[in-house]
């Protein structure tokens, strides 16, 4: 009899777990950006402590110095690759352009069904990278940075949100969706650390404060 009730309790718990999982799935966004998972907050804090603090210098910056949206595979360039990665039920044509799908923008919580409503954000902007050390890079390194699918550097987001962000760093711009801010700063620090880019004093202060609450 005890075994019967034990089995019954297990069955009830399993059923409840299934209902909870189903509810979570039902309430989830219709699509979710698949930014490569950034390092932990603790690792980001340790990385940040090693970054050089320097004044930014934009002398000579030109976006064309960063060869972006290169061919990744077949007819698919970097933008198209990120759109396919970050969307749900994405359908593409023979030229790899997304003709349908659903995309959730984690910066602002909006969901879109037209690829034209999305920009691919360079999480650490190209101009910010130039200011922070990319001015001394080779063309090949700048191209690798502008098309980096391995680090948490490229993400599909609402186009006007990306345009409002522009080339700002976390001292002056952060995603309006506060639940994403920890992910954002962890990714920011990881990218800067990997590419040995500097931070300015206001940027470091902002990153330190955000990471402290992660």
N, C-alpha and C. Protein backbone atom coordinates (compact mmCIF):
# COMPACT_ATOMS: atom_id res chain seq x y z
N UNK A 1 0.84 -1.20 0.00
CA UNK A 1 0.00 0.00 0.00
C UNK A 1 0.88 1.26 0.00
N UNK A 2 1.97 1.25 0.80
CA UNK A 2 2.85 2.41 0.84
C UNK A 2 3.49 2.64 -0.53
N UNK A 3 3.86 1.54 -1.21
CA UNK A 3 4.46 1.68 -2.53
C UNK A 3 3.46 2.30 -3.51
N UNK A 4 2.18 1.91 -3.37
CA UNK A 4 1.14 2.45 -4.25
C UNK A 4 1.03 3.96 -4.08
N UNK A 5 0.97 4.42 -2.80
CA UNK A 5 0.84 5.85 -2.55
C UNK A 5 2.11 6.60 -2.97
N UNK A 6 3.27 5.96 -2.80
CA UNK A 6 4.53 6.59 -3.21
C UNK A 6 4.54 6.79 -4.72
N UNK A 7 4.10 5.72 -5.45
CA UNK A 7 4.04 5.84 -6.90
C UNK A 7 3.04 6.91 -7.32
N UNK A 8 1.92 6.98 -6.58
CA UNK A 8 0.89 7.96 -6.91
C UNK A 8 1.41 9.38 -6.73
N UNK A 9 2.19 9.58 -5.64
CA UNK A 9 2.75 10.91 -5.39
C UNK A 9 3.72 11.28 -6.51
N UNK A 10 4.54 10.32 -6.94
CA UNK A 10 5.48 10.57 -8.02
C UNK A 10 4.74 10.96 -9.29
N UNK A 11 3.63 10.23 -9.58
CA UNK A 11 2.84 10.52 -10.78
C UNK A 11 2.24 11.92 -10.73
N UNK A 12 1.72 12.28 -9.54
CA UNK A 12 1.13 13.60 -9.37
C UNK A 12 2.18 14.69 -9.55
N UNK A 13 3.38 14.48 -8.96
CA UNK A 13 4.46 15.46 -9.09
C UNK A 13 4.90 15.58 -10.53
N UNK A 14 4.96 14.45 -11.24
CA UNK A 14 5.36 14.49 -12.65
C UNK A 14 4.34 15.26 -13.47
N UNK A 15 3.06 15.04 -13.16
CA UNK A 15 2.00 15.74 -13.89
C UNK A 15 2.07 17.24 -13.63
N UNK A 16 2.29 17.61 -12.36
CA UNK A 16 2.41 19.02 -12.02
C UNK A 16 3.60 19.67 -12.72
N UNK A 17 4.71 18.93 -12.77
CA UNK A 17 5.91 19.45 -13.44
C UNK A 17 5.62 19.70 -14.91
N UNK A 18 4.87 18.76 -15.51
CA UNK A 18 4.52 18.92 -16.91
C UNK A 18 3.65 20.13 -17.15
N UNK A 19 2.68 20.35 -16.24
CA UNK A 19 1.80 21.51 -16.37
C UNK A 19 2.58 22.81 -16.23
N UNK A 20 3.52 22.83 -15.27
CA UNK A 20 4.34 24.03 -15.06
C UNK A 20 5.18 24.31 -16.30
N UNK A 21 5.78 23.25 -16.85
CA UNK A 21 6.61 23.43 -18.04
C UNK A 21 5.77 23.92 -19.21
N UNK A 22 4.57 23.37 -19.34
CA UNK A 22 3.69 23.79 -20.43
C UNK A 22 3.28 25.25 -20.28
N UNK A 23 2.99 25.64 -19.03
CA UNK A 23 2.61 27.03 -18.78
C UNK A 23 3.75 27.97 -19.11
N UNK A 24 4.97 27.57 -18.75
CA UNK A 24 6.13 28.41 -19.03
C UNK A 24 6.32 28.56 -20.53
N UNK A 25 6.11 27.46 -21.26
CA UNK A 25 6.25 27.51 -22.70
C UNK A 25 5.17 28.40 -23.30
N UNK A 26 3.96 28.29 -22.79
CA UNK A 26 2.84 29.08 -23.32
C UNK A 26 3.07 30.57 -23.13
N UNK A 27 3.71 30.92 -22.00
CA UNK A 27 3.91 32.34 -21.69
C UNK A 27 5.21 32.89 -22.24
N UNK A 28 6.02 32.04 -22.88
CA UNK A 28 7.30 32.49 -23.41
C UNK A 28 7.09 33.33 -24.65
N UNK A 29 8.09 34.17 -24.99
CA UNK A 29 7.99 34.95 -26.22
C UNK A 29 7.88 34.02 -27.42
N UNK A 30 7.29 34.48 -28.49
CA UNK A 30 7.13 33.64 -29.68
C UNK A 30 8.47 33.37 -30.36
N UNK A 31 9.47 34.19 -30.10
CA UNK A 31 10.80 33.95 -30.62
C UNK A 31 11.79 34.56 -29.66
N UNK A 32 12.99 34.01 -29.63
CA UNK A 32 13.97 34.51 -28.68
C UNK A 32 15.35 34.57 -29.32
N UNK A 33 15.99 35.72 -29.21
CA UNK A 33 17.31 35.89 -29.81
C UNK A 33 18.31 34.90 -29.23
N UNK A 34 19.15 34.38 -30.10
CA UNK A 34 20.08 33.34 -29.69
C UNK A 34 21.51 33.87 -29.60
N UNK A 35 21.67 35.00 -28.94
CA UNK A 35 23.01 35.53 -28.71
C UNK A 35 23.85 34.47 -28.01
N UNK A 36 25.09 34.20 -28.48
CA UNK A 36 25.94 33.26 -27.75
C UNK A 36 26.02 33.65 -26.27
N UNK A 37 25.85 32.69 -25.39
CA UNK A 37 25.80 32.97 -23.96
C UNK A 37 27.07 33.65 -23.48
N UNK A 38 26.96 34.83 -22.89
CA UNK A 38 28.16 35.52 -22.41
C UNK A 38 28.72 34.87 -21.15
N UNK A 39 29.91 35.28 -20.78
CA UNK A 39 30.55 34.77 -19.56
C UNK A 39 29.71 35.16 -18.35
N UNK A 40 29.96 34.51 -17.23
CA UNK A 40 29.23 34.80 -16.01
C UNK A 40 29.56 36.20 -15.51
N UNK A 41 28.74 36.71 -14.58
CA UNK A 41 28.99 38.03 -14.01
C UNK A 41 30.32 38.06 -13.27
N UNK A 42 30.64 36.97 -12.58
CA UNK A 42 31.91 36.93 -11.84
C UNK A 42 33.09 37.00 -12.81
N UNK A 43 33.00 36.26 -13.91
CA UNK A 43 34.08 36.30 -14.90
C UNK A 43 34.14 37.67 -15.55
N UNK A 44 32.98 38.25 -15.85
CA UNK A 44 32.96 39.59 -16.45
C UNK A 44 33.61 40.61 -15.52
N UNK A 45 33.33 40.49 -14.23
CA UNK A 45 33.97 41.42 -13.27
C UNK A 45 35.48 41.25 -13.27
N UNK A 46 35.95 40.01 -13.36
CA UNK A 46 37.40 39.79 -13.38
C UNK A 46 38.01 40.31 -14.68
N UNK A 47 37.30 40.14 -15.80
CA UNK A 47 37.78 40.67 -17.07
C UNK A 47 37.85 42.19 -17.03
N UNK A 48 36.79 42.80 -16.50
CA UNK A 48 36.72 44.26 -16.46
C UNK A 48 37.88 44.85 -15.68
N UNK A 49 38.28 44.18 -14.64
CA UNK A 49 39.38 44.68 -13.80
C UNK A 49 40.71 44.75 -14.56
N UNK A 50 40.82 43.98 -15.64
CA UNK A 50 42.08 43.94 -16.40
C UNK A 50 42.08 44.87 -17.61
N UNK A 51 40.91 45.42 -17.97
CA UNK A 51 40.85 46.26 -19.16
C UNK A 51 41.54 47.60 -18.94
N UNK A 52 42.25 48.04 -19.95
CA UNK A 52 42.92 49.34 -19.90
C UNK A 52 41.89 50.46 -19.90
N UNK A 53 42.08 51.43 -19.03
CA UNK A 53 41.22 52.61 -19.00
C UNK A 53 41.92 53.71 -19.79
N UNK A 54 41.25 54.21 -20.82
CA UNK A 54 41.86 55.22 -21.68
C UNK A 54 40.79 56.13 -22.27
N UNK A 55 41.19 57.33 -22.63
CA UNK A 55 40.30 58.27 -23.28
C UNK A 55 40.04 57.81 -24.72
N UNK A 56 38.80 57.92 -25.17
CA UNK A 56 38.47 57.48 -26.52
C UNK A 56 38.96 58.48 -27.57
N UNK A 57 39.31 57.94 -28.73
CA UNK A 57 39.79 58.79 -29.82
C UNK A 57 39.20 58.29 -31.13
N UNK A 58 38.34 59.09 -31.76
CA UNK A 58 37.66 58.66 -32.98
C UNK A 58 38.35 59.17 -34.24
N UNK A 59 39.51 59.73 -34.13
CA UNK A 59 40.22 60.26 -35.29
C UNK A 59 40.35 59.20 -36.38
N UNK A 60 39.88 59.55 -37.57
CA UNK A 60 40.05 58.65 -38.72
C UNK A 60 39.00 57.57 -38.87
N UNK A 61 37.97 57.56 -38.00
CA UNK A 61 36.97 56.49 -38.09
C UNK A 61 36.14 56.58 -39.36
N UNK A 62 35.93 55.42 -39.96
CA UNK A 62 35.05 55.28 -41.12
C UNK A 62 34.44 53.88 -41.04
N UNK A 63 33.13 53.80 -41.07
CA UNK A 63 32.46 52.50 -40.96
C UNK A 63 32.92 51.53 -42.03
N UNK A 64 33.27 52.05 -43.20
CA UNK A 64 33.70 51.18 -44.29
C UNK A 64 35.02 50.47 -44.00
N UNK A 65 35.73 50.91 -42.98
CA UNK A 65 36.98 50.24 -42.60
C UNK A 65 36.71 48.90 -41.93
N UNK A 66 35.45 48.66 -41.56
CA UNK A 66 35.03 47.38 -40.99
C UNK A 66 34.18 46.66 -42.06
N UNK A 67 34.78 45.73 -42.77
CA UNK A 67 34.06 45.03 -43.84
C UNK A 67 33.03 44.10 -43.22
N UNK A 68 31.76 44.54 -43.19
CA UNK A 68 30.73 43.77 -42.51
C UNK A 68 29.73 43.17 -43.49
N UNK A 69 29.00 42.20 -42.97
CA UNK A 69 28.03 41.41 -43.72
C UNK A 69 28.69 40.66 -44.88
N UNK A 70 29.74 39.95 -44.52
CA UNK A 70 30.44 39.11 -45.50
C UNK A 70 29.68 37.81 -45.70
N UNK A 71 30.02 37.07 -46.74
CA UNK A 71 29.39 35.78 -47.00
C UNK A 71 29.83 34.79 -45.93
N UNK A 72 28.85 34.12 -45.32
CA UNK A 72 29.14 33.12 -44.28
C UNK A 72 29.04 31.71 -44.85
N UNK A 73 27.97 31.45 -45.59
CA UNK A 73 27.78 30.12 -46.18
C UNK A 73 26.83 30.22 -47.36
N UNK A 74 27.23 29.65 -48.49
CA UNK A 74 26.38 29.69 -49.67
C UNK A 74 26.06 31.12 -50.08
N UNK A 75 24.77 31.44 -50.11
CA UNK A 75 24.34 32.80 -50.45
C UNK A 75 24.06 33.65 -49.22
N UNK A 76 24.32 33.12 -48.03
CA UNK A 76 23.96 33.79 -46.77
C UNK A 76 25.11 34.65 -46.25
N UNK A 77 24.81 35.93 -46.03
CA UNK A 77 25.81 36.79 -45.41
C UNK A 77 25.58 36.83 -43.89
N UNK A 78 26.34 37.66 -43.21
CA UNK A 78 26.29 37.68 -41.75
C UNK A 78 24.92 38.10 -41.24
N UNK A 79 24.35 39.15 -41.83
CA UNK A 79 23.02 39.60 -41.39
C UNK A 79 22.00 38.48 -41.53
N UNK A 80 21.97 37.85 -42.67
CA UNK A 80 20.99 36.79 -42.92
C UNK A 80 21.20 35.59 -42.00
N UNK A 81 22.46 35.32 -41.69
CA UNK A 81 22.78 34.22 -40.79
C UNK A 81 22.26 34.49 -39.39
N UNK A 82 22.41 35.73 -38.91
CA UNK A 82 21.93 36.09 -37.58
C UNK A 82 20.40 36.08 -37.55
N UNK A 83 19.77 36.55 -38.61
CA UNK A 83 18.31 36.53 -38.66
C UNK A 83 17.78 35.10 -38.56
N UNK A 84 18.42 34.18 -39.25
CA UNK A 84 17.99 32.78 -39.17
C UNK A 84 18.26 32.21 -37.78
N UNK A 85 19.40 32.56 -37.20
CA UNK A 85 19.77 32.07 -35.87
C UNK A 85 18.83 32.59 -34.79
N UNK A 86 18.47 33.85 -34.88
CA UNK A 86 17.72 34.51 -33.80
C UNK A 86 16.21 34.39 -33.94
N UNK A 87 15.72 33.93 -35.07
CA UNK A 87 14.28 33.88 -35.29
C UNK A 87 13.69 32.50 -35.03
N UNK A 88 12.38 32.43 -35.11
CA UNK A 88 11.63 31.19 -34.99
C UNK A 88 10.85 30.97 -36.29
N UNK A 89 10.91 29.74 -36.79
CA UNK A 89 10.20 29.38 -38.03
C UNK A 89 10.57 30.30 -39.18
N UNK A 90 11.85 30.59 -39.30
CA UNK A 90 12.32 31.49 -40.36
C UNK A 90 12.37 30.74 -41.70
N UNK A 91 11.76 31.35 -42.71
CA UNK A 91 11.79 30.81 -44.07
C UNK A 91 12.59 31.78 -44.93
N UNK A 92 13.51 31.23 -45.73
CA UNK A 92 14.34 32.08 -46.59
C UNK A 92 14.16 31.69 -48.05
N UNK A 93 14.44 32.63 -48.94
CA UNK A 93 14.36 32.34 -50.37
C UNK A 93 15.71 31.88 -50.89
N UNK A 94 15.83 31.75 -52.19
CA UNK A 94 17.07 31.23 -52.78
C UNK A 94 18.26 32.15 -52.57
N UNK A 95 17.98 33.43 -52.29
CA UNK A 95 19.05 34.39 -52.02
C UNK A 95 19.35 34.51 -50.53
N UNK A 96 18.72 33.66 -49.71
CA UNK A 96 18.89 33.61 -48.25
C UNK A 96 18.19 34.75 -47.52
N UNK A 97 17.37 35.54 -48.21
CA UNK A 97 16.60 36.59 -47.56
C UNK A 97 15.44 35.97 -46.80
N UNK A 98 15.19 36.44 -45.58
CA UNK A 98 14.09 35.92 -44.77
C UNK A 98 12.76 36.43 -45.31
N UNK A 99 11.89 35.50 -45.68
CA UNK A 99 10.58 35.87 -46.23
C UNK A 99 9.47 35.77 -45.19
N UNK A 100 9.72 35.02 -44.13
CA UNK A 100 8.76 34.95 -43.02
C UNK A 100 9.46 34.42 -41.79
N UNK A 101 8.80 34.59 -40.65
CA UNK A 101 9.37 34.15 -39.38
C UNK A 101 8.91 35.04 -38.25
N UNK A 102 9.47 34.82 -37.08
CA UNK A 102 9.13 35.62 -35.90
C UNK A 102 10.41 35.91 -35.14
N UNK A 103 10.58 37.17 -34.74
CA UNK A 103 11.79 37.57 -34.03
C UNK A 103 11.43 38.35 -32.76
N UNK A 104 12.03 37.97 -31.66
CA UNK A 104 11.82 38.66 -30.38
C UNK A 104 13.05 39.50 -30.09
N UNK A 105 12.85 40.79 -29.88
CA UNK A 105 13.95 41.71 -29.60
C UNK A 105 14.14 41.83 -28.09
N UNK A 106 15.23 41.30 -27.53
CA UNK A 106 15.40 41.30 -26.08
C UNK A 106 15.71 42.68 -25.50
N UNK A 107 16.08 43.64 -26.33
CA UNK A 107 16.35 44.98 -25.83
C UNK A 107 15.08 45.67 -25.34
N UNK A 108 13.97 45.46 -26.07
CA UNK A 108 12.74 46.17 -25.76
C UNK A 108 11.52 45.27 -25.59
N UNK A 109 11.68 43.96 -25.81
CA UNK A 109 10.59 43.02 -25.60
C UNK A 109 9.58 42.97 -26.73
N UNK A 110 9.89 43.55 -27.88
CA UNK A 110 8.96 43.54 -29.02
C UNK A 110 9.17 42.29 -29.87
N UNK A 111 8.09 41.82 -30.49
CA UNK A 111 8.15 40.69 -31.41
C UNK A 111 7.76 41.17 -32.81
N UNK A 112 8.52 40.75 -33.80
CA UNK A 112 8.32 41.20 -35.18
C UNK A 112 8.17 40.01 -36.12
N UNK A 113 7.44 40.21 -37.19
CA UNK A 113 7.26 39.16 -38.19
C UNK A 113 7.81 39.56 -39.56
N UNK A 114 8.40 40.73 -39.65
CA UNK A 114 9.05 41.18 -40.88
C UNK A 114 10.53 41.41 -40.60
N UNK A 115 11.38 40.78 -41.40
CA UNK A 115 12.82 40.95 -41.19
C UNK A 115 13.25 42.40 -41.35
N UNK A 116 12.51 43.15 -42.15
CA UNK A 116 12.84 44.56 -42.37
C UNK A 116 12.67 45.42 -41.12
N UNK A 117 11.98 44.89 -40.11
CA UNK A 117 11.80 45.62 -38.86
C UNK A 117 12.97 45.41 -37.89
N UNK A 118 13.96 44.64 -38.33
CA UNK A 118 15.08 44.31 -37.45
C UNK A 118 16.41 44.80 -38.00
N UNK A 119 17.25 45.25 -37.09
CA UNK A 119 18.66 45.51 -37.39
C UNK A 119 19.49 44.44 -36.71
N UNK A 120 20.66 44.19 -37.25
CA UNK A 120 21.63 43.35 -36.55
C UNK A 120 22.57 44.29 -35.80
N UNK A 121 22.45 44.30 -34.50
CA UNK A 121 23.25 45.21 -33.67
C UNK A 121 24.63 44.63 -33.43
N UNK A 122 25.64 45.47 -33.65
CA UNK A 122 26.98 45.17 -33.12
C UNK A 122 26.92 45.60 -31.66
N UNK A 123 26.87 44.64 -30.76
CA UNK A 123 26.68 44.96 -29.35
C UNK A 123 27.72 45.98 -28.89
N UNK A 124 28.99 45.73 -29.17
CA UNK A 124 30.02 46.77 -29.05
C UNK A 124 30.10 47.42 -30.42
N UNK A 125 29.61 48.65 -30.55
CA UNK A 125 29.54 49.29 -31.88
C UNK A 125 30.90 49.41 -32.55
N UNK A 126 30.87 49.48 -33.87
CA UNK A 126 32.11 49.58 -34.64
C UNK A 126 32.87 50.86 -34.27
N UNK A 127 32.15 51.97 -34.14
CA UNK A 127 32.81 53.23 -33.77
C UNK A 127 33.41 53.15 -32.38
N UNK A 128 32.69 52.49 -31.46
CA UNK A 128 33.20 52.30 -30.10
C UNK A 128 34.48 51.47 -30.12
N UNK A 129 34.50 50.45 -30.96
CA UNK A 129 35.71 49.62 -31.08
C UNK A 129 36.87 50.45 -31.62
N UNK A 130 36.58 51.28 -32.62
CA UNK A 130 37.63 52.13 -33.19
C UNK A 130 38.20 53.05 -32.11
N UNK A 131 37.31 53.67 -31.34
CA UNK A 131 37.74 54.56 -30.26
C UNK A 131 38.60 53.86 -29.23
N UNK A 132 38.42 52.55 -29.12
CA UNK A 132 39.00 51.79 -28.01
C UNK A 132 40.20 50.93 -28.40
N UNK A 133 40.66 51.09 -29.64
CA UNK A 133 41.85 50.35 -30.05
C UNK A 133 41.83 49.74 -31.43
N UNK A 134 40.64 49.64 -32.05
CA UNK A 134 40.55 49.01 -33.36
C UNK A 134 41.19 49.83 -34.46
N UNK A 135 41.52 51.10 -34.17
CA UNK A 135 42.19 51.93 -35.17
C UNK A 135 43.56 51.37 -35.53
N UNK A 136 44.12 50.55 -34.65
CA UNK A 136 45.45 49.98 -34.92
C UNK A 136 45.38 48.55 -35.47
N UNK A 137 44.17 48.03 -35.65
CA UNK A 137 44.01 46.66 -36.14
C UNK A 137 44.26 46.58 -37.64
N UNK A 138 44.50 45.33 -38.07
CA UNK A 138 44.56 45.05 -39.50
C UNK A 138 43.14 45.01 -40.05
N UNK A 139 43.01 45.10 -41.37
CA UNK A 139 41.70 45.00 -42.00
C UNK A 139 41.05 43.66 -41.71
N UNK A 140 41.86 42.60 -41.64
CA UNK A 140 41.33 41.26 -41.37
C UNK A 140 40.73 41.18 -39.97
N UNK A 141 41.38 41.81 -39.00
CA UNK A 141 40.86 41.78 -37.63
C UNK A 141 39.58 42.59 -37.52
N UNK A 142 39.54 43.73 -38.19
CA UNK A 142 38.31 44.54 -38.17
C UNK A 142 37.15 43.78 -38.84
N UNK A 143 37.44 43.04 -39.90
CA UNK A 143 36.40 42.24 -40.55
C UNK A 143 35.92 41.14 -39.62
N UNK A 144 36.84 40.49 -38.93
CA UNK A 144 36.47 39.42 -37.99
C UNK A 144 35.58 39.96 -36.88
N UNK A 145 35.90 41.14 -36.38
CA UNK A 145 35.11 41.77 -35.32
C UNK A 145 33.71 42.11 -35.81
N UNK A 146 33.61 42.66 -37.00
CA UNK A 146 32.33 43.11 -37.53
C UNK A 146 31.40 41.97 -37.91
N UNK A 147 31.93 40.76 -38.01
CA UNK A 147 31.14 39.60 -38.42
C UNK A 147 31.25 38.44 -37.43
N UNK A 148 31.56 38.75 -36.18
CA UNK A 148 31.84 37.72 -35.17
C UNK A 148 30.56 37.02 -34.71
N UNK A 149 30.43 35.77 -35.11
CA UNK A 149 29.28 34.96 -34.71
C UNK A 149 29.59 34.06 -33.52
N UNK A 150 30.82 34.08 -33.06
CA UNK A 150 31.24 33.20 -31.95
C UNK A 150 31.10 33.90 -30.61
N UNK A 151 31.56 35.13 -30.52
CA UNK A 151 31.39 35.91 -29.30
C UNK A 151 29.97 36.52 -29.28
N UNK A 152 29.50 36.98 -28.10
CA UNK A 152 28.16 37.59 -28.01
C UNK A 152 28.19 39.04 -28.52
N UNK A 153 28.38 39.19 -29.82
CA UNK A 153 28.61 40.50 -30.43
C UNK A 153 27.53 40.91 -31.42
N UNK A 154 26.80 39.96 -31.99
CA UNK A 154 25.79 40.27 -33.00
C UNK A 154 24.43 39.75 -32.57
N UNK A 155 23.39 40.58 -32.67
CA UNK A 155 22.06 40.18 -32.23
C UNK A 155 20.99 40.95 -33.01
N UNK A 156 19.92 40.25 -33.36
CA UNK A 156 18.80 40.87 -34.08
C UNK A 156 17.90 41.61 -33.08
N UNK A 157 17.69 42.90 -33.32
CA UNK A 157 16.87 43.72 -32.42
C UNK A 157 16.01 44.68 -33.23
N UNK A 158 15.03 45.28 -32.59
CA UNK A 158 14.17 46.27 -33.22
C UNK A 158 15.02 47.37 -33.87
N UNK A 159 14.72 47.68 -35.14
CA UNK A 159 15.60 48.59 -35.88
C UNK A 159 15.72 49.98 -35.26
N UNK A 160 14.59 50.57 -34.84
CA UNK A 160 14.70 51.94 -34.31
C UNK A 160 15.35 51.97 -32.93
N UNK A 161 15.31 50.85 -32.20
CA UNK A 161 16.02 50.77 -30.92
C UNK A 161 17.53 50.75 -31.18
N UNK A 162 17.94 49.99 -32.17
CA UNK A 162 19.34 49.94 -32.52
C UNK A 162 19.83 51.30 -33.01
N UNK A 163 19.00 51.98 -33.77
CA UNK A 163 19.38 53.30 -34.28
C UNK A 163 19.46 54.33 -33.16
N UNK A 164 18.60 54.19 -32.14
CA UNK A 164 18.67 55.08 -30.98
C UNK A 164 19.93 54.83 -30.17
N UNK A 165 20.34 53.58 -30.11
CA UNK A 165 21.58 53.24 -29.41
C UNK A 165 22.78 53.86 -30.11
N UNK A 166 22.81 53.75 -31.44
CA UNK A 166 23.93 54.30 -32.20
C UNK A 166 25.25 53.72 -31.76
N UNK A 167 26.20 54.61 -31.45
CA UNK A 167 27.54 54.15 -31.04
C UNK A 167 27.78 54.35 -29.55
N UNK A 168 26.70 54.42 -28.76
CA UNK A 168 26.84 54.69 -27.33
C UNK A 168 27.30 53.47 -26.54
N UNK A 169 28.00 53.74 -25.45
CA UNK A 169 28.42 52.66 -24.56
C UNK A 169 27.48 52.63 -23.34
N UNK A 170 27.65 51.68 -22.41
CA UNK A 170 26.71 51.55 -21.29
C UNK A 170 26.66 52.73 -20.32
N UNK A 171 27.55 53.68 -20.46
CA UNK A 171 27.48 54.87 -19.61
C UNK A 171 26.33 55.77 -20.04
N UNK A 172 25.92 55.67 -21.31
CA UNK A 172 24.87 56.57 -21.82
C UNK A 172 23.69 55.83 -22.43
N UNK A 173 23.80 54.52 -22.65
CA UNK A 173 22.68 53.76 -23.23
C UNK A 173 22.68 52.34 -22.70
N UNK A 174 21.47 51.88 -22.34
CA UNK A 174 21.27 50.49 -21.95
C UNK A 174 19.91 50.04 -22.49
N UNK A 175 19.71 48.73 -22.69
CA UNK A 175 18.40 48.25 -23.13
C UNK A 175 17.31 48.69 -22.17
N UNK A 176 16.17 49.10 -22.71
CA UNK A 176 15.06 49.54 -21.85
C UNK A 176 14.50 48.38 -21.04
N UNK A 177 14.64 47.18 -21.54
CA UNK A 177 14.16 46.00 -20.82
C UNK A 177 15.21 45.62 -19.77
N UNK A 178 14.92 45.95 -18.52
CA UNK A 178 15.91 45.80 -17.46
C UNK A 178 16.34 44.36 -17.24
N UNK A 179 15.46 43.41 -17.57
CA UNK A 179 15.80 41.99 -17.37
C UNK A 179 16.96 41.55 -18.25
N UNK A 180 17.26 42.34 -19.29
CA UNK A 180 18.33 41.95 -20.22
C UNK A 180 19.65 42.66 -19.93
N UNK A 181 19.65 43.59 -19.01
CA UNK A 181 20.83 44.42 -18.81
C UNK A 181 22.05 43.64 -18.31
N UNK A 182 21.82 42.67 -17.46
CA UNK A 182 22.94 41.87 -16.97
C UNK A 182 23.59 41.10 -18.12
N UNK A 183 22.77 40.50 -18.97
CA UNK A 183 23.30 39.79 -20.14
C UNK A 183 24.08 40.76 -21.02
N UNK A 184 23.53 41.95 -21.20
CA UNK A 184 24.14 42.95 -22.08
C UNK A 184 25.54 43.35 -21.60
N UNK A 185 25.68 43.66 -20.32
CA UNK A 185 26.99 44.12 -19.83
C UNK A 185 27.98 42.97 -19.76
N UNK A 186 27.52 41.76 -19.46
CA UNK A 186 28.42 40.61 -19.48
C UNK A 186 28.98 40.40 -20.88
N UNK A 187 28.09 40.52 -21.88
CA UNK A 187 28.51 40.37 -23.27
C UNK A 187 29.47 41.49 -23.66
N UNK A 188 29.15 42.70 -23.27
CA UNK A 188 29.99 43.87 -23.60
C UNK A 188 31.42 43.66 -23.10
N UNK A 189 31.54 43.28 -21.84
CA UNK A 189 32.87 43.10 -21.25
C UNK A 189 33.60 41.93 -21.92
N UNK A 190 32.89 40.84 -22.21
CA UNK A 190 33.53 39.70 -22.85
C UNK A 190 34.11 40.08 -24.21
N UNK A 191 33.35 40.82 -24.99
CA UNK A 191 33.83 41.22 -26.32
C UNK A 191 35.03 42.16 -26.19
N UNK A 192 34.94 43.12 -25.30
CA UNK A 192 36.07 44.04 -25.13
C UNK A 192 37.32 43.32 -24.64
N UNK A 193 37.13 42.36 -23.75
CA UNK A 193 38.26 41.59 -23.22
C UNK A 193 38.89 40.74 -24.33
N UNK A 194 38.07 40.06 -25.10
CA UNK A 194 38.58 39.17 -26.14
C UNK A 194 39.41 39.95 -27.16
N UNK A 195 38.92 41.14 -27.53
CA UNK A 195 39.61 41.92 -28.55
C UNK A 195 40.60 42.93 -27.97
N UNK A 196 40.84 42.86 -26.66
CA UNK A 196 41.80 43.72 -25.99
C UNK A 196 41.51 45.20 -26.24
N UNK A 197 40.25 45.56 -26.09
CA UNK A 197 39.83 46.95 -26.27
C UNK A 197 39.80 47.66 -24.91
N UNK A 198 40.05 48.95 -24.92
CA UNK A 198 40.05 49.72 -23.68
C UNK A 198 38.63 50.16 -23.32
N UNK A 199 38.49 50.71 -22.13
CA UNK A 199 37.25 51.35 -21.69
C UNK A 199 37.59 52.74 -21.19
N UNK A 200 36.63 53.67 -21.33
CA UNK A 200 36.88 54.98 -20.72
C UNK A 200 36.37 54.94 -19.28
N UNK A 201 36.66 55.98 -18.52
CA UNK A 201 36.36 55.93 -17.09
C UNK A 201 34.86 55.86 -16.81
N UNK A 202 34.06 56.62 -17.56
CA UNK A 202 32.60 56.59 -17.34
C UNK A 202 32.03 55.23 -17.71
N UNK A 203 32.53 54.66 -18.79
CA UNK A 203 32.10 53.33 -19.23
C UNK A 203 32.43 52.28 -18.17
N UNK A 204 33.65 52.32 -17.64
CA UNK A 204 34.04 51.34 -16.62
C UNK A 204 33.18 51.48 -15.37
N UNK A 205 32.90 52.72 -14.96
CA UNK A 205 32.08 52.95 -13.78
C UNK A 205 30.69 52.36 -13.98
N UNK A 206 30.09 52.59 -15.17
CA UNK A 206 28.75 52.07 -15.45
C UNK A 206 28.76 50.54 -15.46
N UNK A 207 29.74 49.96 -16.11
CA UNK A 207 29.83 48.49 -16.17
C UNK A 207 30.00 47.91 -14.78
N UNK A 208 30.83 48.55 -13.96
CA UNK A 208 31.04 48.07 -12.59
C UNK A 208 29.74 48.08 -11.80
N UNK A 209 28.98 49.16 -11.94
CA UNK A 209 27.72 49.27 -11.21
C UNK A 209 26.69 48.26 -11.67
N UNK A 210 26.57 48.05 -12.97
CA UNK A 210 25.60 47.07 -13.47
C UNK A 210 26.00 45.65 -13.09
N UNK A 211 27.28 45.34 -13.20
CA UNK A 211 27.74 43.99 -12.88
C UNK A 211 27.59 43.68 -11.39
N UNK A 212 27.64 44.70 -10.56
CA UNK A 212 27.51 44.50 -9.12
C UNK A 212 26.13 43.94 -8.74
N UNK A 213 25.15 44.22 -9.59
CA UNK A 213 23.78 43.73 -9.28
C UNK A 213 23.41 42.50 -10.09
N UNK A 214 24.33 41.97 -10.85
CA UNK A 214 24.04 40.77 -11.65
C UNK A 214 24.03 39.52 -10.76
